Amino acid sequence: MTAGAQRDAADSFDPLRPRLVRVAYRMLGSVADAEDVVQDAFLRWMGTDRALVREPEAFLRRTVTRLCLDQLKSARRQRESYVGPWLPDPVVGEEEVEEDVTLPLMLALERLSPLERAAFLLHDVFGVGFEEVALTIHRDAAACRQLAARARRFRCRL
């Protein structure tokens, strides 16, 4: 890859990085894991034929979501057991008010399945349509609506 192509990839990715980190953080609950996932998405972005990508933000959001789901499902995460209380890493930085996720919501998200969490976050928090959510998590739109509804019901019980 030429230096110019690398620069173009970075120039198109950098404005989206903070939003992608927020998506990953809300799915994983760890700043370090979120940054690792976003960096992996950037490496994949550099290897992608960007001329074929119509919506870079949607493409990258889907990539980050899939990488988060893979990490949540991985055997390594399943084997790890922490006996203390789980609290998400605090995030210090500028965040849009409408995208502010409070600690109680983060604790509720921890109790959801990875697919419920992805459907809920993408649709209810980030305003992504169920058709795009379905493409992202490889389910049909009706199943995504059901996953998000289950997540909403669970959140209301807490």
N, C-alpha and C. Protein backbone atom coordinates (compact mmCIF):
# COMPACT_ATOMS: atom_id res chain seq x y z
N MET A 1 0.85 -1.16 0.00
CA MET A 1 0.00 0.00 0.00
C MET A 1 0.90 1.23 0.00
N THR A 2 0.57 2.17 -0.82
CA THR A 2 1.38 3.38 -0.93
C THR A 2 1.14 4.29 0.27
N ALA A 3 2.07 5.20 0.47
CA ALA A 3 1.94 6.14 1.58
C ALA A 3 0.70 7.01 1.41
N GLY A 4 0.38 7.37 0.18
CA GLY A 4 -0.81 8.18 -0.09
C GLY A 4 -2.08 7.43 0.25
N ALA A 5 -2.13 6.14 -0.08
CA ALA A 5 -3.31 5.34 0.24
C ALA A 5 -3.46 5.18 1.75
N GLN A 6 -2.35 5.01 2.45
CA GLN A 6 -2.40 4.91 3.91
C GLN A 6 -2.89 6.23 4.52
N ARG A 7 -2.44 7.32 3.98
CA ARG A 7 -2.85 8.63 4.48
C ARG A 7 -4.35 8.84 4.22
N ASP A 8 -4.83 8.43 3.04
CA ASP A 8 -6.25 8.55 2.72
C ASP A 8 -7.10 7.70 3.67
N ALA A 9 -6.62 6.49 3.98
CA ALA A 9 -7.35 5.61 4.91
C ALA A 9 -7.43 6.26 6.28
N ALA A 10 -6.32 6.81 6.74
CA ALA A 10 -6.29 7.46 8.06
C ALA A 10 -7.15 8.71 8.07
N ASP A 11 -7.11 9.50 7.00
CA ASP A 11 -7.89 10.73 6.93
C ASP A 11 -9.39 10.46 6.97
N SER A 12 -9.82 9.37 6.36
CA SER A 12 -11.25 9.05 6.37
C SER A 12 -11.67 8.37 7.67
N PHE A 13 -10.73 7.72 8.35
CA PHE A 13 -11.04 6.98 9.58
C PHE A 13 -11.01 7.87 10.82
N ASP A 14 -10.05 8.76 10.91
CA ASP A 14 -9.83 9.54 12.14
C ASP A 14 -11.05 10.31 12.63
N PRO A 15 -11.84 10.96 11.77
CA PRO A 15 -13.02 11.67 12.30
C PRO A 15 -14.06 10.72 12.91
N LEU A 16 -14.06 9.46 12.48
CA LEU A 16 -15.04 8.49 12.96
C LEU A 16 -14.56 7.75 14.21
N ARG A 17 -13.27 7.83 14.51
CA ARG A 17 -12.69 7.06 15.62
C ARG A 17 -13.41 7.28 16.96
N PRO A 18 -13.68 8.52 17.40
CA PRO A 18 -14.34 8.68 18.71
C PRO A 18 -15.70 7.99 18.79
N ARG A 19 -16.48 8.09 17.74
CA ARG A 19 -17.80 7.44 17.73
C ARG A 19 -17.65 5.93 17.74
N LEU A 20 -16.68 5.40 17.00
CA LEU A 20 -16.45 3.96 16.97
C LEU A 20 -15.98 3.45 18.33
N VAL A 21 -15.15 4.23 19.01
CA VAL A 21 -14.70 3.84 20.35
C VAL A 21 -15.90 3.81 21.30
N ARG A 22 -16.82 4.77 21.18
CA ARG A 22 -18.00 4.76 22.04
C ARG A 22 -18.86 3.53 21.79
N VAL A 23 -19.03 3.14 20.53
CA VAL A 23 -19.80 1.94 20.22
C VAL A 23 -19.13 0.73 20.86
N ALA A 24 -17.84 0.59 20.67
CA ALA A 24 -17.12 -0.56 21.20
C ALA A 24 -17.12 -0.55 22.73
N TYR A 25 -16.92 0.61 23.32
CA TYR A 25 -16.91 0.71 24.78
C TYR A 25 -18.25 0.29 25.36
N ARG A 26 -19.32 0.71 24.75
CA ARG A 26 -20.64 0.38 25.27
C ARG A 26 -20.95 -1.10 25.12
N MET A 27 -20.34 -1.73 24.16
CA MET A 27 -20.55 -3.17 24.02
C MET A 27 -19.65 -3.97 24.95
N LEU A 28 -18.41 -3.50 25.15
CA LEU A 28 -17.43 -4.28 25.89
C LEU A 28 -17.25 -3.84 27.35
N GLY A 29 -17.52 -2.56 27.64
CA GLY A 29 -17.38 -2.07 29.00
C GLY A 29 -15.95 -1.81 29.43
N SER A 30 -15.02 -1.84 28.51
CA SER A 30 -13.61 -1.63 28.81
C SER A 30 -13.01 -0.69 27.77
N VAL A 31 -12.39 0.37 28.24
CA VAL A 31 -11.77 1.33 27.33
C VAL A 31 -10.65 0.66 26.53
N ALA A 32 -9.82 -0.12 27.22
CA ALA A 32 -8.70 -0.77 26.54
C ALA A 32 -9.18 -1.73 25.46
N ASP A 33 -10.19 -2.54 25.78
CA ASP A 33 -10.73 -3.47 24.78
C ASP A 33 -11.37 -2.70 23.62
N ALA A 34 -12.05 -1.61 23.94
CA ALA A 34 -12.69 -0.81 22.89
C ALA A 34 -11.65 -0.23 21.95
N GLU A 35 -10.57 0.31 22.50
CA GLU A 35 -9.52 0.88 21.66
C GLU A 35 -8.84 -0.20 20.81
N ASP A 36 -8.67 -1.39 21.38
CA ASP A 36 -8.08 -2.50 20.61
C ASP A 36 -8.97 -2.88 19.44
N VAL A 37 -10.26 -2.96 19.68
CA VAL A 37 -11.21 -3.33 18.62
C VAL A 37 -11.21 -2.27 17.52
N VAL A 38 -11.21 -1.00 17.91
CA VAL A 38 -11.22 0.08 16.92
C VAL A 38 -9.92 0.07 16.12
N GLN A 39 -8.81 -0.22 16.77
CA GLN A 39 -7.54 -0.30 16.04
C GLN A 39 -7.57 -1.47 15.05
N ASP A 40 -8.15 -2.59 15.46
CA ASP A 40 -8.29 -3.73 14.55
C ASP A 40 -9.18 -3.35 13.37
N ALA A 41 -10.24 -2.60 13.63
CA ALA A 41 -11.12 -2.13 12.55
C ALA A 41 -10.35 -1.21 11.60
N PHE A 42 -9.47 -0.38 12.15
CA PHE A 42 -8.66 0.50 11.31
C PHE A 42 -7.74 -0.31 10.40
N LEU A 43 -7.12 -1.34 10.94
CA LEU A 43 -6.24 -2.19 10.12
C LEU A 43 -7.04 -2.85 8.99
N ARG A 44 -8.24 -3.28 9.30
CA ARG A 44 -9.09 -3.87 8.26
C ARG A 44 -9.50 -2.80 7.23
N TRP A 45 -9.75 -1.58 7.72
CA TRP A 45 -10.11 -0.47 6.83
C TRP A 45 -8.98 -0.18 5.85
N MET A 46 -7.75 -0.26 6.32
CA MET A 46 -6.61 -0.01 5.44
C MET A 46 -6.51 -1.06 4.34
N GLY A 47 -6.94 -2.28 4.63
CA GLY A 47 -6.88 -3.35 3.64
C GLY A 47 -8.11 -3.44 2.76
N THR A 48 -9.07 -2.58 2.98
CA THR A 48 -10.32 -2.60 2.22
C THR A 48 -10.22 -1.71 0.99
N ASP A 49 -10.86 -2.14 -0.08
CA ASP A 49 -10.97 -1.29 -1.27
C ASP A 49 -12.02 -0.24 -0.98
N ARG A 50 -11.59 0.92 -0.50
CA ARG A 50 -12.50 1.97 -0.05
C ARG A 50 -13.34 2.57 -1.17
N ALA A 51 -12.93 2.38 -2.40
CA ALA A 51 -13.72 2.87 -3.53
C ALA A 51 -15.05 2.13 -3.63
N LEU A 52 -15.11 0.92 -3.10
CA LEU A 52 -16.33 0.13 -3.14
C LEU A 52 -17.25 0.39 -1.96
N VAL A 53 -16.78 1.15 -0.97
CA VAL A 53 -17.57 1.42 0.24
C VAL A 53 -18.35 2.70 0.03
N ARG A 54 -19.67 2.57 0.04
CA ARG A 54 -20.55 3.72 -0.19
C ARG A 54 -20.69 4.57 1.08
N GLU A 55 -20.82 3.94 2.24
CA GLU A 55 -21.00 4.62 3.52
C GLU A 55 -19.90 4.18 4.49
N PRO A 56 -18.78 4.90 4.53
CA PRO A 56 -17.68 4.49 5.41
C PRO A 56 -18.09 4.34 6.87
N GLU A 57 -18.91 5.26 7.40
CA GLU A 57 -19.29 5.16 8.81
C GLU A 57 -20.09 3.89 9.07
N ALA A 58 -21.04 3.56 8.21
CA ALA A 58 -21.83 2.34 8.38
C ALA A 58 -20.94 1.10 8.28
N PHE A 59 -20.03 1.10 7.31
CA PHE A 59 -19.11 -0.02 7.14
C PHE A 59 -18.27 -0.22 8.40
N LEU A 60 -17.72 0.87 8.91
CA LEU A 60 -16.85 0.78 10.08
C LEU A 60 -17.64 0.44 11.35
N ARG A 61 -18.83 0.98 11.48
CA ARG A 61 -19.66 0.65 12.64
C ARG A 61 -20.00 -0.84 12.62
N ARG A 62 -20.30 -1.37 11.44
CA ARG A 62 -20.59 -2.80 11.32
C ARG A 62 -19.35 -3.62 11.66
N THR A 63 -18.20 -3.19 11.18
CA THR A 63 -16.96 -3.90 11.46
C THR A 63 -16.68 -3.92 12.97
N VAL A 64 -16.82 -2.78 13.62
CA VAL A 64 -16.57 -2.69 15.06
C VAL A 64 -17.57 -3.56 15.82
N THR A 65 -18.83 -3.51 15.43
CA THR A 65 -19.84 -4.32 16.11
C THR A 65 -19.54 -5.80 15.98
N ARG A 66 -19.18 -6.24 14.78
CA ARG A 66 -18.85 -7.67 14.58
C ARG A 66 -17.62 -8.07 15.40
N LEU A 67 -16.62 -7.20 15.43
CA LEU A 67 -15.42 -7.51 16.22
C LEU A 67 -15.76 -7.58 17.72
N CYS A 68 -16.63 -6.71 18.18
CA CYS A 68 -17.05 -6.75 19.59
C CYS A 68 -17.81 -8.05 19.88
N LEU A 69 -18.72 -8.41 18.99
CA LEU A 69 -19.47 -9.66 19.18
C LEU A 69 -18.52 -10.85 19.21
N ASP A 70 -17.54 -10.85 18.31
CA ASP A 70 -16.56 -11.94 18.30
C ASP A 70 -15.80 -12.00 19.62
N GLN A 71 -15.42 -10.85 20.14
CA GLN A 71 -14.68 -10.82 21.39
C GLN A 71 -15.56 -11.28 22.55
N LEU A 72 -16.80 -10.85 22.57
CA LEU A 72 -17.70 -11.26 23.64
C LEU A 72 -17.98 -12.76 23.62
N LYS A 73 -17.95 -13.35 22.45
CA LYS A 73 -18.22 -14.77 22.32
C LYS A 73 -16.97 -15.63 22.44
N SER A 74 -15.82 -15.02 22.46
CA SER A 74 -14.58 -15.80 22.42
C SER A 74 -14.41 -16.67 23.65
N ALA A 75 -13.72 -17.75 23.47
CA ALA A 75 -13.47 -18.68 24.58
C ALA A 75 -12.66 -18.01 25.67
N ARG A 76 -11.78 -17.10 25.30
CA ARG A 76 -10.94 -16.43 26.30
C ARG A 76 -11.82 -15.65 27.27
N ARG A 77 -12.78 -14.92 26.74
CA ARG A 77 -13.67 -14.13 27.60
C ARG A 77 -14.55 -15.06 28.44
N GLN A 78 -14.94 -16.20 27.89
CA GLN A 78 -15.78 -17.15 28.62
C GLN A 78 -15.01 -17.75 29.79
N ARG A 79 -13.72 -18.02 29.60
CA ARG A 79 -12.91 -18.66 30.64
C ARG A 79 -12.55 -17.71 31.77
N GLU A 80 -12.45 -16.42 31.46
CA GLU A 80 -12.08 -15.47 32.49
C GLU A 80 -13.20 -15.33 33.51
N SER A 81 -12.85 -15.40 34.77
CA SER A 81 -13.88 -15.19 35.78
C SER A 81 -13.34 -14.21 36.82
N TYR A 82 -14.09 -13.20 37.03
CA TYR A 82 -13.74 -12.17 37.99
C TYR A 82 -14.77 -12.22 39.09
N VAL A 83 -14.33 -12.37 40.34
CA VAL A 83 -15.28 -12.58 41.42
C VAL A 83 -15.80 -11.29 42.03
N GLY A 84 -15.18 -10.18 41.73
CA GLY A 84 -15.62 -8.90 42.29
C GLY A 84 -16.74 -8.29 41.48
N PRO A 85 -17.22 -7.13 41.94
CA PRO A 85 -18.29 -6.47 41.18
C PRO A 85 -17.75 -5.90 39.88
N TRP A 86 -18.56 -5.97 38.84
CA TRP A 86 -18.14 -5.43 37.55
C TRP A 86 -18.60 -3.99 37.45
N LEU A 87 -17.68 -3.13 37.08
CA LEU A 87 -18.01 -1.74 36.78
C LEU A 87 -17.31 -1.38 35.49
N PRO A 88 -17.99 -0.67 34.59
CA PRO A 88 -17.34 -0.27 33.35
C PRO A 88 -16.24 0.74 33.63
N ASP A 89 -15.22 0.76 32.78
CA ASP A 89 -14.18 1.76 32.90
C ASP A 89 -14.78 3.14 32.71
N PRO A 90 -14.38 4.10 33.54
CA PRO A 90 -14.91 5.45 33.31
C PRO A 90 -14.30 6.04 32.05
N VAL A 91 -15.10 6.77 31.32
CA VAL A 91 -14.63 7.42 30.10
C VAL A 91 -14.63 8.91 30.36
N VAL A 92 -13.46 9.50 30.21
CA VAL A 92 -13.34 10.94 30.38
C VAL A 92 -13.16 11.53 29.00
N GLY A 93 -14.03 12.44 28.65
CA GLY A 93 -13.91 13.07 27.33
C GLY A 93 -15.21 13.72 26.97
N GLU A 94 -15.16 14.37 25.84
CA GLU A 94 -16.35 15.06 25.36
C GLU A 94 -17.26 14.06 24.69
N GLU A 95 -18.50 14.06 25.13
CA GLU A 95 -19.48 13.16 24.56
C GLU A 95 -20.76 13.95 24.33
N GLU A 96 -21.43 13.65 23.25
CA GLU A 96 -22.67 14.33 22.97
C GLU A 96 -23.69 13.96 24.02
N VAL A 97 -24.49 14.93 24.46
CA VAL A 97 -25.44 14.72 25.55
C VAL A 97 -26.42 13.60 25.21
N GLU A 98 -26.93 13.56 23.99
CA GLU A 98 -27.90 12.54 23.63
C GLU A 98 -27.30 11.15 23.57
N GLU A 99 -25.99 11.02 23.59
CA GLU A 99 -25.33 9.72 23.56
C GLU A 99 -24.77 9.33 24.91
N ASP A 100 -25.10 10.08 25.97
CA ASP A 100 -24.58 9.80 27.29
C ASP A 100 -25.25 8.55 27.84
N VAL A 101 -24.45 7.57 28.22
CA VAL A 101 -24.96 6.33 28.79
C VAL A 101 -24.54 6.31 30.25
N THR A 102 -25.51 6.20 31.11
CA THR A 102 -25.24 6.25 32.53
C THR A 102 -24.78 4.89 33.05
N LEU A 103 -24.22 4.90 34.26
CA LEU A 103 -23.74 3.68 34.88
C LEU A 103 -24.85 2.64 35.04
N PRO A 104 -26.06 3.00 35.48
CA PRO A 104 -27.10 1.96 35.57
C PRO A 104 -27.39 1.28 34.23
N LEU A 105 -27.37 2.04 33.15
CA LEU A 105 -27.59 1.42 31.85
C LEU A 105 -26.44 0.49 31.50
N MET A 106 -25.21 0.90 31.82
CA MET A 106 -24.06 0.03 31.55
C MET A 106 -24.17 -1.27 32.34
N LEU A 107 -24.62 -1.18 33.58
CA LEU A 107 -24.79 -2.39 34.39
C LEU A 107 -25.89 -3.28 33.82
N ALA A 108 -26.96 -2.66 33.32
CA ALA A 108 -28.03 -3.44 32.68
C ALA A 108 -27.53 -4.11 31.41
N LEU A 109 -26.74 -3.39 30.63
CA LEU A 109 -26.21 -3.96 29.39
C LEU A 109 -25.33 -5.17 29.67
N GLU A 110 -24.63 -5.18 30.78
CA GLU A 110 -23.76 -6.30 31.13
C GLU A 110 -24.56 -7.59 31.27
N ARG A 111 -25.81 -7.48 31.66
CA ARG A 111 -26.64 -8.66 31.89
C ARG A 111 -27.33 -9.18 30.61
N LEU A 112 -27.22 -8.43 29.54
CA LEU A 112 -27.83 -8.85 28.27
C LEU A 112 -26.90 -9.78 27.52
N SER A 113 -27.47 -10.57 26.62
CA SER A 113 -26.64 -11.38 25.74
C SER A 113 -25.93 -10.44 24.75
N PRO A 114 -24.84 -10.88 24.16
CA PRO A 114 -24.15 -10.02 23.20
C PRO A 114 -25.04 -9.55 22.05
N LEU A 115 -25.89 -10.42 21.53
CA LEU A 115 -26.77 -10.03 20.42
C LEU A 115 -27.84 -9.04 20.88
N GLU A 116 -28.40 -9.24 22.08
CA GLU A 116 -29.37 -8.28 22.61
C GLU A 116 -28.71 -6.93 22.82
N ARG A 117 -27.51 -6.95 23.35
CA ARG A 117 -26.77 -5.70 23.60
C ARG A 117 -26.51 -4.97 22.29
N ALA A 118 -26.06 -5.71 21.27
CA ALA A 118 -25.76 -5.08 19.97
C ALA A 118 -27.03 -4.49 19.35
N ALA A 119 -28.13 -5.25 19.35
CA ALA A 119 -29.37 -4.76 18.74
C ALA A 119 -29.88 -3.53 19.49
N PHE A 120 -29.86 -3.58 20.81
CA PHE A 120 -30.34 -2.45 21.61
C PHE A 120 -29.48 -1.21 21.40
N LEU A 121 -28.17 -1.36 21.51
CA LEU A 121 -27.29 -0.20 21.36
C LEU A 121 -27.38 0.41 19.97
N LEU A 122 -27.28 -0.43 18.94
CA LEU A 122 -27.28 0.10 17.59
C LEU A 122 -28.61 0.80 17.27
N HIS A 123 -29.73 0.18 17.65
CA HIS A 123 -31.02 0.78 17.30
C HIS A 123 -31.43 1.89 18.26
N ASP A 124 -31.49 1.60 19.56
CA ASP A 124 -32.06 2.56 20.50
C ASP A 124 -31.09 3.68 20.88
N VAL A 125 -29.81 3.39 20.95
CA VAL A 125 -28.85 4.42 21.37
C VAL A 125 -28.30 5.18 20.16
N PHE A 126 -27.95 4.46 19.10
CA PHE A 126 -27.31 5.11 17.95
C PHE A 126 -28.25 5.35 16.78
N GLY A 127 -29.51 4.91 16.88
CA GLY A 127 -30.50 5.24 15.87
C GLY A 127 -30.33 4.53 14.54
N VAL A 128 -29.70 3.38 14.55
CA VAL A 128 -29.52 2.60 13.32
C VAL A 128 -30.80 1.81 13.06
N GLY A 129 -31.25 1.77 11.82
CA GLY A 129 -32.46 1.03 11.47
C GLY A 129 -32.28 -0.47 11.65
N PHE A 130 -33.40 -1.17 11.89
CA PHE A 130 -33.32 -2.60 12.13
C PHE A 130 -32.79 -3.37 10.92
N GLU A 131 -32.97 -2.85 9.72
CA GLU A 131 -32.45 -3.53 8.54
C GLU A 131 -30.91 -3.55 8.58
N GLU A 132 -30.32 -2.42 8.95
CA GLU A 132 -28.85 -2.37 9.05
C GLU A 132 -28.36 -3.18 10.24
N VAL A 133 -29.09 -3.14 11.35
CA VAL A 133 -28.73 -3.95 12.51
C VAL A 133 -28.74 -5.42 12.11
N ALA A 134 -29.74 -5.83 11.35
CA ALA A 134 -29.85 -7.22 10.90
C ALA A 134 -28.64 -7.63 10.06
N LEU A 135 -28.22 -6.75 9.17
CA LEU A 135 -27.04 -7.04 8.36
C LEU A 135 -25.79 -7.12 9.23
N THR A 136 -25.72 -6.28 10.25
CA THR A 136 -24.54 -6.23 11.10
C THR A 136 -24.39 -7.48 11.94
N ILE A 137 -25.48 -7.95 12.54
CA ILE A 137 -25.36 -9.10 13.44
C ILE A 137 -25.82 -10.41 12.80
N HIS A 138 -26.03 -10.38 11.51
CA HIS A 138 -26.37 -11.59 10.73
C HIS A 138 -27.64 -12.28 11.24
N ARG A 139 -28.68 -11.50 11.46
CA ARG A 139 -30.00 -11.99 11.81
C ARG A 139 -30.99 -11.26 10.93
N ASP A 140 -32.24 -11.73 10.90
CA ASP A 140 -33.23 -10.98 10.11
C ASP A 140 -33.77 -9.83 10.95
N ALA A 141 -34.42 -8.87 10.29
CA ALA A 141 -34.86 -7.65 10.95
C ALA A 141 -35.87 -7.95 12.06
N ALA A 142 -36.76 -8.92 11.85
CA ALA A 142 -37.73 -9.27 12.88
C ALA A 142 -37.04 -9.80 14.14
N ALA A 143 -36.02 -10.61 13.96
CA ALA A 143 -35.27 -11.12 15.10
C ALA A 143 -34.56 -9.98 15.83
N CYS A 144 -34.07 -9.00 15.10
CA CYS A 144 -33.40 -7.85 15.72
C CYS A 144 -34.39 -7.01 16.52
N ARG A 145 -35.60 -6.85 15.98
CA ARG A 145 -36.62 -6.12 16.74
C ARG A 145 -36.93 -6.85 18.04
N GLN A 146 -37.00 -8.18 17.97
CA GLN A 146 -37.27 -8.98 19.16
C GLN A 146 -36.12 -8.88 20.17
N LEU A 147 -34.88 -8.93 19.68
CA LEU A 147 -33.73 -8.80 20.58
C LEU A 147 -33.74 -7.45 21.29
N ALA A 148 -34.03 -6.39 20.56
CA ALA A 148 -34.07 -5.06 21.16
C ALA A 148 -35.24 -4.95 22.14
N ALA A 149 -36.37 -5.55 21.82
CA ALA A 149 -37.52 -5.51 22.73
C ALA A 149 -37.21 -6.25 24.03
N ARG A 150 -36.55 -7.40 23.93
CA ARG A 150 -36.14 -8.14 25.14
C ARG A 150 -35.20 -7.30 25.99
N ALA A 151 -34.27 -6.63 25.33
CA ALA A 151 -33.31 -5.78 26.05
C ALA A 151 -34.05 -4.63 26.75
N ARG A 152 -35.02 -4.03 26.09
CA ARG A 152 -35.78 -2.95 26.70
C ARG A 152 -36.56 -3.45 27.91
N ARG A 153 -37.22 -4.61 27.78
CA ARG A 153 -37.97 -5.18 28.90
C ARG A 153 -37.04 -5.48 30.07
N PHE A 154 -35.89 -6.04 29.78
CA PHE A 154 -34.94 -6.36 30.84
C PHE A 154 -34.46 -5.10 31.53
N ARG A 155 -34.17 -4.08 30.76
CA ARG A 155 -33.68 -2.82 31.32
C ARG A 155 -34.73 -2.19 32.22
N CYS A 156 -35.99 -2.28 31.82
CA CYS A 156 -37.07 -1.68 32.63
C CYS A 156 -37.27 -2.41 33.95
N ARG A 157 -36.94 -3.70 34.01
CA ARG A 157 -37.10 -4.46 35.26
C ARG A 157 -36.07 -4.07 36.29
N LEU A 158 -34.96 -3.49 35.86
CA LEU A 158 -33.90 -3.16 36.83
C LEU A 158 -34.16 -1.91 37.59
